[in-house]
Structures are given as structure tokens and as C-alpha cells.
Amino acid sequence: MRHYEIIFLVHPDQSEQVGGMVERYTKLIEEDGGKIHR
């Protein structure tokens, strides 16, 4: 199994939307069979 580290940058003006962004990426990864362990 391969392990990847994903980092995304958020503009300070959009810092209030970070929670939604994390949920969106988590859903995308898990729907494609990926796992997030942190």
C-alpha cells in the first residue's frame, strides 16, 4: 500500500471555510476507497 501526504494552502481570507474544505477532501478520498488515519 502506498502512503501519500496531502497539504493544501488556504488564503487567510478563506480561513473560516477550512472545516468545509477538510470535510470535502475527506469525503472525496474515502469515496474512492482511500483511508485517512490522522
Foldseek 3Di string as FASTA:
>chain_A
DDDDDDDDDDDPVCVVCVVVVVVVVQVVQVVVPHDDDD
